[in-house]
Amino acid sequence: MKSVGSALENEPHRSSNLDPAEIGEETIAVVVRVRGGLPPSPNQVFELDNNKLTITGSTAGNAHKKDFSFDRVFDQDTTQARLYKSCANEIVQSALDGFNATIFAYGQTGAGKTHTMSGSLNSPAEFGVIPNAIQQIFRTISKASKQAQDQEVKFLVSVSYLEIYNEHVHDLLADDYKDNLQVRECDGCFFVPSLTKSVACSEADALTLIEKGWQVRSTAATEMNHTSSRSHSILTFYIEKRTQSRNSALLSTVVSKLNLVDLAGSERHQASDELHFKESVNINQSLSTLANVISALSQAEKRTHIPYRDSKLTRLLKDSIGGNSKTLMIACVSPTQHNLKESVSTLRYASSAKKVWNRPTVNRDIIDATLKDLKQEIEQLRLALNEEKRKHAGSSSSSSSSSAEGRVCMEVLLPLFGAVSALASCLREHKARGRDKDAKHDKVDTQTYKDQIKEALRSFFRLVSAIGPALDKAAVVQFKADFSPVCKDILSRLQNAASLATSAAAAAAAAA
């Protein structure tokens, strides 16, 4: 297990050049879990029926008789394993398939959020979402590596763990405690640039990191919970999956994030002593901002502004709520009459979350996506050549001519693919050199580089499309002559951009 700073960048993964099957819109999945482990009460405040929950209790003389519908409702006897298999398993699998994914638990203090998300490591039966997700990730990786036949599959898993305590971001995995880390923005996405990331090669590695974070997370005793979480925690798994075909040099890469979020409990200020008053105010304020974001997103036809910037929690969860993520919310409620008011508030909050639409996409590396498109284009040209050969098969002279034209076309197509691979290498080299997101030069140089890439690919596709109908020898020879200088010009401009970026980075380092 080791720290990593360059394997995966501290920013949200983006996708482009996606297949239609890799893009879709869906609402946040919402399930409700009624806390178990409490003594039986004659006054039941909930009636449960599959995915419906009816409130039967009353507060302050006001009778509550209201029905709520969710994706699933779990009663007090629901085991940790059943909850995970029923709803969390699919979300974690989507992260392994290249989608960003988020699971977060919400509810008042003492409603069972931390039990649901973390559970206990002493017994597999008591594993919460986090240890179960770790098991699933590494067992799926092991199985995928063994079952791959015509391709080689490799995974890289890194972990970060932070908490937001009194609106200060703390790094829970840092050897020297990092306090009040900055949340930065890049292209509309928020991230923590100096956050520690550690590579986890096994379940044991990941669990060791989790336990390290748990030991330093802010907790305290409250009236409703002896070990109440006094901070919001975000545990993130960064998963990079590389698939290499054994029969070609084509490399496919997908990258994703899995956020496992344990929110601090909402509570009435008078429910805590004075020492925890400030904590309660900050917790409720950030949860209120989260509620405002969800409310704004749930009213899509009316919304004009989404207040993501009003708290660090909503900034870091921007992709998870209304963005590029498959998201599951687990609303935890208490079945007691005493906590009915807070439970009703939680259920209304969860009901609004069901109306929020996300747009999850497979986060395919832009270079690999481009190579995939070009490989398909070349394959179509191969098929076109074969079709022409079949049409002229009746004439020996025509067959001879077609064969000669086919050989010339293949002479062009194969170098074509090699040139694209060279473009890919050049881009990866630039990405490796441009990690410092705080450098002022980076945004300018990156944009210049992107513009050059786009123009290079436009030129490339124009050349590829030109060869489609050009099956006569003269046209192919002309195409080959046109392509050679253009390819050299593209590579020259890309290498020049990489050189400029390197020089700027060196100058910035020297100035520092």
Protein backbone atom coordinates (compact mmCIF):
# COMPACT_ATOMS: atom_id res chain seq x y z
CA MET A 1 0.00 0.00 0.00
CA LYS A 2 1.46 3.38 -0.97
CA SER A 3 0.45 6.97 -1.53
CA VAL A 4 -0.13 8.03 -5.09
CA GLY A 5 -0.22 11.49 -6.56
CA SER A 6 0.01 10.97 -10.29
CA ALA A 7 -1.94 7.84 -11.07
CA LEU A 8 -5.27 9.61 -10.82
CA GLU A 9 -5.84 13.35 -10.66
CA ASN A 10 -7.68 15.03 -7.78
CA GLU A 11 -10.57 16.14 -9.92
CA PRO A 12 -13.82 14.68 -11.25
CA HIS A 13 -13.50 12.33 -14.18
CA ARG A 14 -15.13 13.47 -17.38
CA SER A 15 -16.25 11.56 -20.42
CA SER A 16 -16.57 12.22 -24.13
CA ASN A 17 -17.05 10.42 -27.44
CA LEU A 18 -19.58 8.11 -25.79
CA ASP A 19 -21.81 5.48 -27.29
CA PRO A 20 -25.55 6.12 -26.81
CA ALA A 21 -25.68 3.06 -24.56
CA GLU A 22 -23.18 4.76 -22.25
CA ILE A 23 -25.35 7.83 -21.65
CA GLY A 24 -28.69 8.04 -19.90
CA GLU A 25 -30.86 10.03 -17.54
CA GLU A 26 -32.23 8.62 -14.33
CA THR A 27 -33.53 9.84 -11.01
CA ILE A 28 -31.73 9.39 -7.71
CA ALA A 29 -32.68 6.02 -6.21
CA VAL A 30 -34.14 6.46 -2.72
CA VAL A 31 -34.72 3.76 -0.11
CA VAL A 32 -35.84 4.08 3.51
CA ARG A 33 -34.54 2.07 6.43
CA VAL A 34 -36.34 2.00 9.76
CA ARG A 35 -33.88 1.69 12.60
CA GLY A 36 -33.79 -1.70 14.33
CA GLY A 37 -32.41 -2.77 17.67
CA LEU A 38 -34.92 -0.79 19.71
CA PRO A 39 -37.27 -2.28 22.34
CA PRO A 40 -40.82 -3.02 21.09
CA SER A 41 -43.23 -0.12 21.40
CA PRO A 42 -47.05 -0.33 21.54
CA ASN A 43 -47.26 2.96 19.63
CA GLN A 44 -46.13 2.22 16.08
CA VAL A 45 -45.70 5.39 14.05
CA PHE A 46 -45.15 3.68 10.67
CA GLU A 47 -46.98 1.12 8.57
CA LEU A 48 -44.83 -0.51 5.90
CA ASP A 49 -45.98 -2.18 2.70
CA ASN A 50 -43.27 -3.11 0.17
CA ASN A 51 -42.18 0.27 -1.22
CA LYS A 52 -44.77 2.32 0.70
CA LEU A 53 -44.57 3.88 4.14
CA THR A 54 -47.55 5.36 5.94
CA ILE A 55 -47.21 7.64 8.96
CA THR A 56 -49.74 6.77 11.66
CA GLY A 57 -48.33 8.71 14.63
CA SER A 58 -48.93 12.27 15.72
CA THR A 59 -46.91 15.18 17.13
CA ALA A 60 -48.08 18.11 19.26
CA GLY A 61 -51.69 17.06 18.79
CA ASN A 62 -51.44 17.06 14.98
CA ALA A 63 -52.31 13.74 13.45
CA HIS A 64 -50.08 12.58 10.60
CA LYS A 65 -51.67 10.27 8.08
CA LYS A 66 -49.54 10.47 4.99
CA ASP A 67 -48.29 7.96 2.48
CA PHE A 68 -44.77 8.03 1.00
CA SER A 69 -43.55 5.87 -1.88
CA PHE A 70 -39.89 5.00 -2.42
CA ASP A 71 -37.84 2.52 -4.43
CA ARG A 72 -37.67 0.24 -1.38
CA VAL A 73 -38.64 0.40 2.28
CA PHE A 74 -36.74 -1.76 4.78
CA ASP A 75 -38.23 -2.60 8.17
CA GLN A 76 -36.53 -2.92 11.56
CA ASP A 77 -35.62 -6.57 10.99
CA THR A 78 -33.68 -5.95 7.76
CA THR A 79 -30.14 -7.33 7.93
CA GLN A 80 -27.06 -5.52 6.68
CA ALA A 81 -26.53 -8.12 3.96
CA ARG A 82 -30.08 -7.90 2.67
CA LEU A 83 -29.96 -4.12 2.46
CA TYR A 84 -26.67 -4.19 0.58
CA LYS A 85 -27.70 -6.87 -1.91
CA SER A 86 -31.08 -5.25 -2.55
CA CYS A 87 -29.90 -1.77 -3.46
CA ALA A 88 -26.19 -0.99 -2.95
CA ASN A 89 -24.73 -3.92 -4.89
CA GLU A 90 -25.91 -2.56 -8.24
CA ILE A 91 -24.56 0.93 -7.57
CA VAL A 92 -21.08 -0.38 -6.67
CA GLN A 93 -21.07 -2.59 -9.80
CA SER A 94 -21.84 0.45 -11.95
CA ALA A 95 -18.68 2.11 -10.58
CA LEU A 96 -16.67 -0.94 -11.67
CA ASP A 97 -18.25 -0.56 -15.13
CA GLY A 98 -17.02 3.03 -15.51
CA PHE A 99 -19.85 5.14 -14.07
CA ASN A 100 -19.41 7.60 -11.25
CA ALA A 101 -21.52 6.41 -8.31
CA THR A 102 -22.56 7.69 -4.90
CA ILE A 103 -24.26 6.15 -1.88
CA PHE A 104 -25.17 8.43 1.00
CA ALA A 105 -27.14 7.99 4.21
CA TYR A 106 -29.29 10.77 5.61
CA GLY A 107 -31.34 11.11 8.79
CA GLN A 108 -31.43 12.55 12.26
CA THR A 109 -28.86 11.74 14.93
CA GLY A 110 -29.34 8.21 16.22
CA ALA A 111 -31.36 6.99 13.21
CA GLY A 112 -28.74 4.42 12.17
CA LYS A 113 -26.79 6.15 9.39
CA THR A 114 -23.30 5.19 10.53
CA HIS A 115 -24.48 1.66 11.33
CA THR A 116 -25.87 1.41 7.80
CA MET A 117 -22.78 2.84 6.10
CA SER A 118 -20.02 1.37 8.29
CA GLY A 119 -21.45 -1.28 10.58
CA SER A 120 -18.89 -3.35 12.45
CA LEU A 121 -15.75 -5.03 11.14
CA ASN A 122 -15.87 -7.66 13.90
CA SER A 123 -18.43 -9.81 12.09
CA PRO A 124 -19.23 -10.12 8.35
CA ALA A 125 -22.93 -10.24 9.28
CA GLU A 126 -22.57 -6.70 10.66
CA PHE A 127 -20.68 -5.27 7.68
CA GLY A 128 -22.20 -2.01 6.51
CA VAL A 129 -22.19 -0.58 3.00
CA ILE A 130 -18.50 0.43 3.13
CA PRO A 131 -16.91 -2.95 4.05
CA ASN A 132 -19.37 -4.79 1.78
CA ALA A 133 -18.45 -2.46 -1.10
CA ILE A 134 -14.75 -3.14 -0.49
CA GLN A 135 -15.40 -6.88 -0.68
CA GLN A 136 -17.37 -6.52 -3.89
CA ILE A 137 -14.78 -4.29 -5.57
CA PHE A 138 -11.78 -6.55 -4.99
CA ARG A 139 -13.62 -9.83 -5.57
CA THR A 140 -15.00 -8.51 -8.86
CA ILE A 141 -11.51 -7.37 -9.87
CA SER A 142 -10.06 -10.79 -9.06
CA LYS A 143 -12.78 -12.58 -11.01
CA ALA A 144 -12.49 -10.26 -14.04
CA SER A 145 -8.72 -10.78 -14.23
CA LYS A 146 -9.09 -14.56 -14.16
CA GLN A 147 -11.98 -14.84 -16.64
CA ALA A 148 -10.52 -12.57 -19.34
CA GLN A 149 -9.58 -14.73 -22.35
CA ASP A 150 -8.87 -12.64 -25.43
CA GLN A 151 -7.96 -9.53 -23.47
CA GLU A 152 -5.91 -8.44 -20.49
CA VAL A 153 -7.80 -6.52 -17.80
CA LYS A 154 -5.99 -4.42 -15.18
CA PHE A 155 -7.43 -2.31 -12.36
CA LEU A 156 -5.96 0.46 -10.24
CA VAL A 157 -7.87 1.36 -7.07
CA SER A 158 -7.01 4.42 -5.01
CA VAL A 159 -8.71 5.72 -1.88
CA SER A 160 -9.24 9.15 -0.32
CA TYR A 161 -11.12 9.93 2.88
CA LEU A 162 -12.14 13.35 4.14
CA GLU A 163 -14.48 14.90 6.67
CA ILE A 164 -16.20 18.26 6.78
CA TYR A 165 -16.23 19.46 10.37
CA ASN A 166 -17.57 22.95 11.14
CA GLU A 167 -17.14 23.77 7.42
CA HIS A 168 -13.44 22.79 7.56
CA VAL A 169 -12.22 19.99 5.29
CA HIS A 170 -9.89 17.51 7.04
CA ASP A 171 -7.83 14.79 5.37
CA LEU A 172 -8.44 11.57 7.35
CA LEU A 173 -5.64 9.62 5.64
CA ALA A 174 -2.83 12.13 5.99
CA ASP A 175 0.06 11.10 8.23
CA ASP A 176 0.23 14.68 9.48
CA TYR A 177 -3.29 15.89 10.19
CA LYS A 178 -4.32 18.31 7.44
CA ASP A 179 -6.84 20.90 8.59
CA ASN A 180 -9.03 23.28 6.59
CA LEU A 181 -8.10 22.09 3.11
CA GLN A 182 -9.25 24.23 0.21
CA VAL A 183 -12.00 23.19 -2.18
CA ARG A 184 -11.06 24.27 -5.71
CA GLU A 185 -13.08 24.50 -8.91
CA CYS A 186 -12.00 23.37 -12.38
CA ASP A 187 -14.33 23.56 -15.39
CA GLY A 188 -17.39 23.74 -13.14
CA CYS A 189 -16.37 20.75 -10.98
CA PHE A 190 -15.14 20.91 -7.38
CA PHE A 191 -12.26 18.96 -5.84
CA VAL A 192 -9.66 19.08 -3.05
CA PRO A 193 -6.24 19.36 -4.78
CA SER A 194 -4.02 18.38 -1.84
CA LEU A 195 -6.10 15.44 -0.64
CA THR A 196 -4.14 12.26 0.14
CA LYS A 197 -4.78 9.31 -2.19
CA SER A 198 -3.47 5.87 -1.35
CA VAL A 199 -3.37 2.85 -3.61
CA ALA A 200 -5.24 -0.18 -2.25
CA CYS A 201 -4.16 -3.49 -3.75
CA SER A 202 -6.44 -5.72 -1.68
CA GLU A 203 -9.39 -5.81 0.70
CA ALA A 204 -6.96 -5.73 3.62
CA ASP A 205 -5.27 -2.57 2.29
CA ALA A 206 -8.60 -0.80 1.87
CA LEU A 207 -9.90 -1.82 5.30
CA THR A 208 -6.68 -0.62 6.91
CA LEU A 209 -7.19 2.79 5.32
CA ILE A 210 -10.82 2.91 6.41
CA GLU A 211 -9.95 2.06 10.01
CA LYS A 212 -7.28 4.77 9.97
CA GLY A 213 -9.90 7.30 8.94
CA TRP A 214 -12.44 6.10 11.49
CA GLN A 215 -9.94 6.57 14.32
CA VAL A 216 -9.52 10.30 13.66
CA ARG A 217 -13.04 11.18 12.55
CA SER A 218 -14.83 13.68 14.79
CA THR A 219 -17.41 12.00 17.07
CA ALA A 220 -18.99 12.88 20.40
CA ALA A 221 -21.72 11.74 22.77
CA THR A 222 -25.11 13.41 22.38
CA GLU A 223 -28.44 12.95 24.07
CA MET A 224 -29.55 10.57 21.33
CA ASN A 225 -26.30 8.78 20.46
CA HIS A 226 -23.21 7.99 22.56
CA THR A 227 -20.90 7.99 19.52
CA SER A 228 -22.57 10.48 17.22
CA SER A 229 -20.73 11.54 14.07
CA ARG A 230 -20.10 15.28 14.34
CA SER A 231 -18.88 15.63 10.75
CA HIS A 232 -19.84 14.67 7.23
CA SER A 233 -17.43 12.09 5.80
CA ILE A 234 -16.79 11.29 2.14
CA LEU A 235 -14.89 8.09 1.36
CA THR A 236 -13.95 7.92 -2.32
CA PHE A 237 -12.68 4.98 -4.38
CA TYR A 238 -11.02 5.97 -7.67
CA ILE A 239 -11.22 3.01 -10.03
CA GLU A 240 -9.25 2.84 -13.27
CA LYS A 241 -9.91 -0.12 -15.54
CA ARG A 242 -7.62 -0.82 -18.50
CA THR A 243 -8.51 -3.43 -21.07
CA GLN A 244 -5.82 -4.49 -23.56
CA SER A 245 -6.72 -6.73 -26.49
CA ARG A 246 -4.27 -9.60 -26.87
CA ASN A 247 -4.63 -9.45 -30.67
CA SER A 248 -3.96 -5.74 -31.14
CA ALA A 249 -2.37 -2.71 -29.53
CA LEU A 250 -5.75 -1.13 -28.79
CA LEU A 251 -6.06 -0.03 -25.15
CA SER A 252 -9.40 0.90 -23.57
CA THR A 253 -9.48 2.86 -20.31
CA VAL A 254 -12.44 3.79 -18.14
CA VAL A 255 -12.13 5.75 -14.89
CA SER A 256 -14.75 6.27 -12.21
CA LYS A 257 -15.35 7.44 -8.67
CA LEU A 258 -17.39 5.72 -5.97
CA ASN A 259 -18.39 8.11 -3.17
CA LEU A 260 -19.60 6.57 0.09
CA VAL A 261 -20.99 9.38 2.20
CA ASP A 262 -21.93 9.29 5.87
CA LEU A 263 -23.68 12.55 6.72
CA ALA A 264 -23.78 13.89 10.25
CA GLY A 265 -27.21 13.69 11.82
CA SER A 266 -29.69 16.51 11.73
CA GLU A 267 -30.90 17.48 15.17
CA ARG A 268 -32.66 20.12 17.23
CA HIS A 269 -30.22 22.48 18.89
CA GLN A 270 -31.76 21.92 22.31
CA ALA A 271 -31.11 18.18 21.96
CA SER A 272 -27.34 18.76 22.51
CA ASP A 273 -25.42 20.45 25.31
CA GLU A 274 -23.80 23.84 24.88
CA LEU A 275 -20.40 22.37 24.00
CA HIS A 276 -21.90 20.92 20.83
CA PHE A 277 -24.07 23.88 19.93
CA LYS A 278 -21.64 25.23 17.30
CA GLU A 279 -21.30 21.76 15.76
CA SER A 280 -25.07 21.42 15.58
CA VAL A 281 -25.45 24.81 13.92
CA ASN A 282 -22.85 23.97 11.24
CA ILE A 283 -24.27 20.48 10.66
CA ASN A 284 -27.81 21.75 10.26
CA GLN A 285 -26.69 24.62 8.06
CA SER A 286 -24.88 22.36 5.59
CA LEU A 287 -27.77 19.88 5.58
CA SER A 288 -30.15 22.76 4.98
CA THR A 289 -28.05 23.81 1.98
CA LEU A 290 -28.13 20.24 0.70
CA ALA A 291 -31.92 20.28 1.09
CA ASN A 292 -32.10 23.56 -0.84
CA VAL A 293 -30.03 22.08 -3.67
CA ILE A 294 -32.26 19.01 -3.85
CA SER A 295 -35.39 21.16 -3.67
CA ALA A 296 -34.17 23.37 -6.51
CA LEU A 297 -33.24 20.38 -8.67
CA SER A 298 -36.56 18.62 -7.97
CA GLN A 299 -38.42 21.61 -9.41
CA ALA A 300 -36.70 21.58 -12.77
CA GLU A 301 -39.36 23.69 -14.49
CA LYS A 302 -39.01 26.52 -11.93
CA ARG A 303 -35.35 26.53 -10.97
CA THR A 304 -33.12 29.43 -11.90
CA HIS A 305 -30.18 28.90 -9.52
CA ILE A 306 -28.77 25.82 -7.79
CA PRO A 307 -26.95 26.88 -4.57
CA TYR A 308 -24.09 24.37 -4.76
CA ARG A 309 -21.57 27.01 -3.62
CA ASP A 310 -23.33 27.72 -0.33
CA SER A 311 -21.52 24.91 1.52
CA LYS A 312 -18.47 22.71 1.03
CA LEU A 313 -20.63 19.60 1.28
CA THR A 314 -22.81 20.56 -1.69
CA ARG A 315 -19.79 21.66 -3.71
CA LEU A 316 -18.12 18.27 -3.30
CA LEU A 317 -21.39 16.42 -4.01
CA LYS A 318 -22.26 18.45 -7.10
CA ASP A 319 -21.70 15.55 -9.50
CA SER A 320 -23.61 13.19 -7.22
CA ILE A 321 -26.76 15.32 -7.09
CA GLY A 322 -27.96 16.47 -10.47
CA GLY A 323 -24.76 15.56 -12.32
CA ASN A 324 -22.73 12.70 -13.76
CA SER A 325 -23.41 9.93 -11.23
CA LYS A 326 -25.59 6.98 -10.37
CA THR A 327 -26.76 7.90 -6.87
CA LEU A 328 -28.47 6.02 -4.06
CA MET A 329 -29.86 7.76 -0.99
CA ILE A 330 -30.59 5.72 2.13
CA ALA A 331 -32.97 7.67 4.36
CA CYS A 332 -32.72 6.42 7.95
CA VAL A 333 -35.64 7.03 10.31
CA SER A 334 -36.45 6.16 13.91
CA PRO A 335 -39.72 4.29 14.62
CA THR A 336 -40.32 6.03 17.95
CA GLN A 337 -43.03 8.57 18.67
CA HIS A 338 -40.46 10.86 20.29
CA ASN A 339 -38.57 11.29 17.01
CA LEU A 340 -41.57 11.43 14.68
CA LYS A 341 -41.13 15.11 13.77
CA GLU A 342 -37.57 14.54 12.58
CA SER A 343 -38.61 11.34 10.80
CA VAL A 344 -41.33 13.18 8.86
CA SER A 345 -38.77 15.83 7.87
CA THR A 346 -36.39 13.10 6.65
CA LEU A 347 -39.13 11.43 4.60
CA ARG A 348 -40.11 14.70 2.93
CA TYR A 349 -36.47 15.37 2.15
CA ALA A 350 -36.10 11.88 0.65
CA SER A 351 -39.28 12.30 -1.36
CA SER A 352 -37.84 15.44 -2.98
CA ALA A 353 -34.60 13.60 -3.79
CA LYS A 354 -36.58 11.08 -5.86
CA LYS A 355 -37.42 13.87 -8.29
CA VAL A 356 -33.79 14.83 -9.00
CA TRP A 357 -32.47 13.72 -12.38
CA ASN A 358 -28.85 12.70 -12.90
CA ARG A 359 -27.06 12.08 -16.18
CA PRO A 360 -24.61 9.24 -15.55
CA THR A 361 -22.14 8.44 -18.34
CA VAL A 362 -19.34 5.96 -18.76
CA ASN A 363 -16.11 7.87 -18.15
CA ARG A 364 -14.13 6.64 -21.11
CA ASP A 365 -10.68 8.14 -21.70
CA ILE A 366 -10.99 10.63 -24.58
CA ILE A 367 -7.98 9.16 -26.37
CA ASP A 368 -9.24 5.61 -26.07
CA ALA A 369 -12.69 6.71 -27.21
CA THR A 370 -11.15 8.37 -30.28
CA LEU A 371 -9.10 5.27 -31.06
CA LYS A 372 -12.23 3.15 -30.73
CA ASP A 373 -14.08 5.38 -33.22
CA LEU A 374 -11.20 5.30 -35.67
CA LYS A 375 -10.84 1.54 -35.41
CA GLN A 376 -14.51 1.22 -36.34
CA GLU A 377 -13.98 3.60 -39.23
CA ILE A 378 -11.05 1.55 -40.52
CA GLU A 379 -13.04 -1.65 -40.15
CA GLN A 380 -15.82 -0.14 -42.28
CA LEU A 381 -13.26 0.67 -44.96
CA ARG A 382 -11.99 -2.91 -44.85
CA LEU A 383 -15.55 -4.15 -45.36
CA ALA A 384 -16.00 -1.75 -48.27
CA LEU A 385 -12.86 -3.12 -49.93
CA ASN A 386 -14.02 -6.70 -49.44
CA GLU A 387 -17.37 -5.83 -50.98
CA GLU A 388 -15.67 -4.38 -54.04
CA LYS A 389 -13.55 -7.50 -54.38
CA ARG A 390 -16.68 -9.65 -54.27
CA LYS A 391 -18.38 -7.61 -56.98
CA HIS A 392 -15.39 -8.01 -59.33
CA ALA A 393 -14.75 -11.66 -58.53
CA GLY A 394 -16.20 -12.75 -61.95
CA SER A 395 -13.45 -11.11 -63.94
CA SER A 396 -9.82 -12.10 -63.50
CA SER A 397 -8.63 -8.73 -64.73
CA SER A 398 -11.04 -6.92 -62.45
CA SER A 399 -10.02 -9.21 -59.60
CA SER A 400 -6.37 -8.47 -60.21
CA SER A 401 -7.07 -4.75 -60.34
CA SER A 402 -9.18 -4.85 -57.19
CA SER A 403 -6.49 -6.82 -55.38
CA ALA A 404 -3.86 -4.25 -56.30
CA GLU A 405 -6.12 -1.41 -55.16
CA GLY A 406 -6.84 -3.29 -51.93
CA ARG A 407 -3.13 -3.67 -51.21
CA VAL A 408 -2.55 0.03 -51.76
CA CYS A 409 -5.51 0.88 -49.49
CA MET A 410 -4.17 -1.38 -46.77
CA GLU A 411 -0.79 0.33 -47.08
CA VAL A 412 -2.58 3.54 -46.13
CA LEU A 413 -5.01 2.21 -43.51
CA LEU A 414 -2.44 0.52 -41.31
CA PRO A 415 -0.17 3.59 -41.04
CA LEU A 416 -3.34 5.57 -40.41
CA PHE A 417 -4.00 3.64 -37.23
CA GLY A 418 -0.35 3.89 -36.23
CA ALA A 419 -0.49 7.66 -36.61
CA VAL A 420 -3.51 7.85 -34.31
CA SER A 421 -1.64 5.79 -31.73
CA ALA A 422 1.20 8.31 -31.97
CA LEU A 423 -1.30 11.11 -31.37
CA ALA A 424 -2.58 9.25 -28.32
CA SER A 425 0.92 8.85 -26.91
CA CYS A 426 1.60 12.54 -27.37
CA LEU A 427 -1.60 13.47 -25.52
CA ARG A 428 -0.89 11.09 -22.65
CA GLU A 429 2.61 12.58 -22.35
CA HIS A 430 1.11 16.04 -22.06
CA LYS A 431 -1.42 14.88 -19.45
CA ALA A 432 1.39 13.37 -17.38
CA ARG A 433 3.24 16.69 -17.43
CA GLY A 434 0.22 18.86 -16.66
CA ARG A 435 -0.82 17.54 -13.25
CA ASP A 436 -0.42 20.80 -11.32
CA LYS A 437 -3.91 22.29 -11.35
CA ASP A 438 -2.75 25.30 -9.27
CA ALA A 439 -0.29 26.53 -11.91
CA LYS A 440 -1.58 29.61 -13.74
CA HIS A 441 -0.14 28.48 -17.05
CA ASP A 442 -1.95 25.15 -16.99
CA LYS A 443 -5.41 26.29 -17.99
CA VAL A 444 -4.12 28.34 -20.93
CA ASP A 445 -1.77 25.67 -22.24
CA THR A 446 -4.33 22.91 -21.76
CA GLN A 447 -6.93 24.86 -23.72
CA THR A 448 -4.42 25.53 -26.50
CA TYR A 449 -3.58 21.87 -26.56
CA LYS A 450 -7.24 20.86 -26.68
CA ASP A 451 -7.84 23.22 -29.60
CA GLN A 452 -4.92 21.66 -31.47
CA ILE A 453 -6.18 18.17 -30.75
CA LYS A 454 -9.63 19.04 -32.08
CA GLU A 455 -8.21 20.55 -35.26
CA ALA A 456 -5.87 17.58 -35.70
CA LEU A 457 -8.74 15.12 -35.39
CA ARG A 458 -10.89 17.13 -37.79
CA SER A 459 -8.10 16.94 -40.35
CA PHE A 460 -7.70 13.25 -39.70
CA PHE A 461 -11.40 12.46 -40.11
CA ARG A 462 -11.56 14.49 -43.32
CA LEU A 463 -8.75 12.36 -44.72
CA VAL A 464 -10.36 9.12 -43.55
CA SER A 465 -13.73 10.04 -45.07
CA ALA A 466 -12.01 10.87 -48.35
CA ILE A 467 -10.75 7.32 -48.82
CA GLY A 468 -14.21 5.74 -48.49
CA PRO A 469 -15.29 6.03 -52.14
CA ALA A 470 -11.73 6.23 -53.46
CA LEU A 471 -11.07 2.69 -54.56
CA ASP A 472 -9.13 3.40 -57.72
CA LYS A 473 -5.37 3.28 -57.50
CA ALA A 474 -4.78 6.88 -58.52
CA ALA A 475 -7.11 8.25 -55.83
CA VAL A 476 -5.52 6.10 -53.12
CA VAL A 477 -2.00 7.14 -54.12
CA GLN A 478 -3.13 10.76 -54.04
CA PHE A 479 -4.70 10.21 -50.63
CA LYS A 480 -1.44 8.72 -49.32
CA ALA A 481 0.50 11.70 -50.63
CA ASP A 482 -1.93 14.14 -48.97
CA PHE A 483 -1.99 12.30 -45.68
CA SER A 484 1.76 12.14 -45.07
CA PRO A 485 2.49 15.88 -44.72
CA VAL A 486 -0.73 16.51 -42.77
CA CYS A 487 0.14 13.78 -40.28
CA LYS A 488 3.61 15.21 -39.82
CA ASP A 489 2.16 18.67 -39.28
CA ILE A 490 -0.31 17.36 -36.68
CA LEU A 491 2.40 15.56 -34.73
CA SER A 492 4.70 18.57 -34.93
CA ARG A 493 2.06 20.91 -33.49
CA LEU A 494 1.18 18.48 -30.70
CA GLN A 495 4.80 17.96 -29.72
CA ASN A 496 5.32 21.72 -29.73
CA ALA A 497 2.34 22.17 -27.37
CA ALA A 498 3.75 19.53 -25.02
CA SER A 499 7.15 21.23 -25.10
CA LEU A 500 5.60 24.61 -24.25
CA ALA A 501 3.71 23.08 -21.34
CA THR A 502 6.89 21.45 -20.03
CA SER A 503 8.82 24.72 -20.22
CA ALA A 504 6.02 26.60 -18.45
CA ALA A 505 5.88 23.96 -15.71
CA ALA A 506 9.67 24.19 -15.23
CA ALA A 507 9.50 27.98 -15.04
CA ALA A 508 6.71 27.83 -12.47
CA ALA A 509 8.69 25.31 -10.38
CA ALA A 510 11.79 27.52 -10.51
CA ALA A 511 9.77 30.57 -9.45
CA ALA A 512 8.33 28.63 -6.52
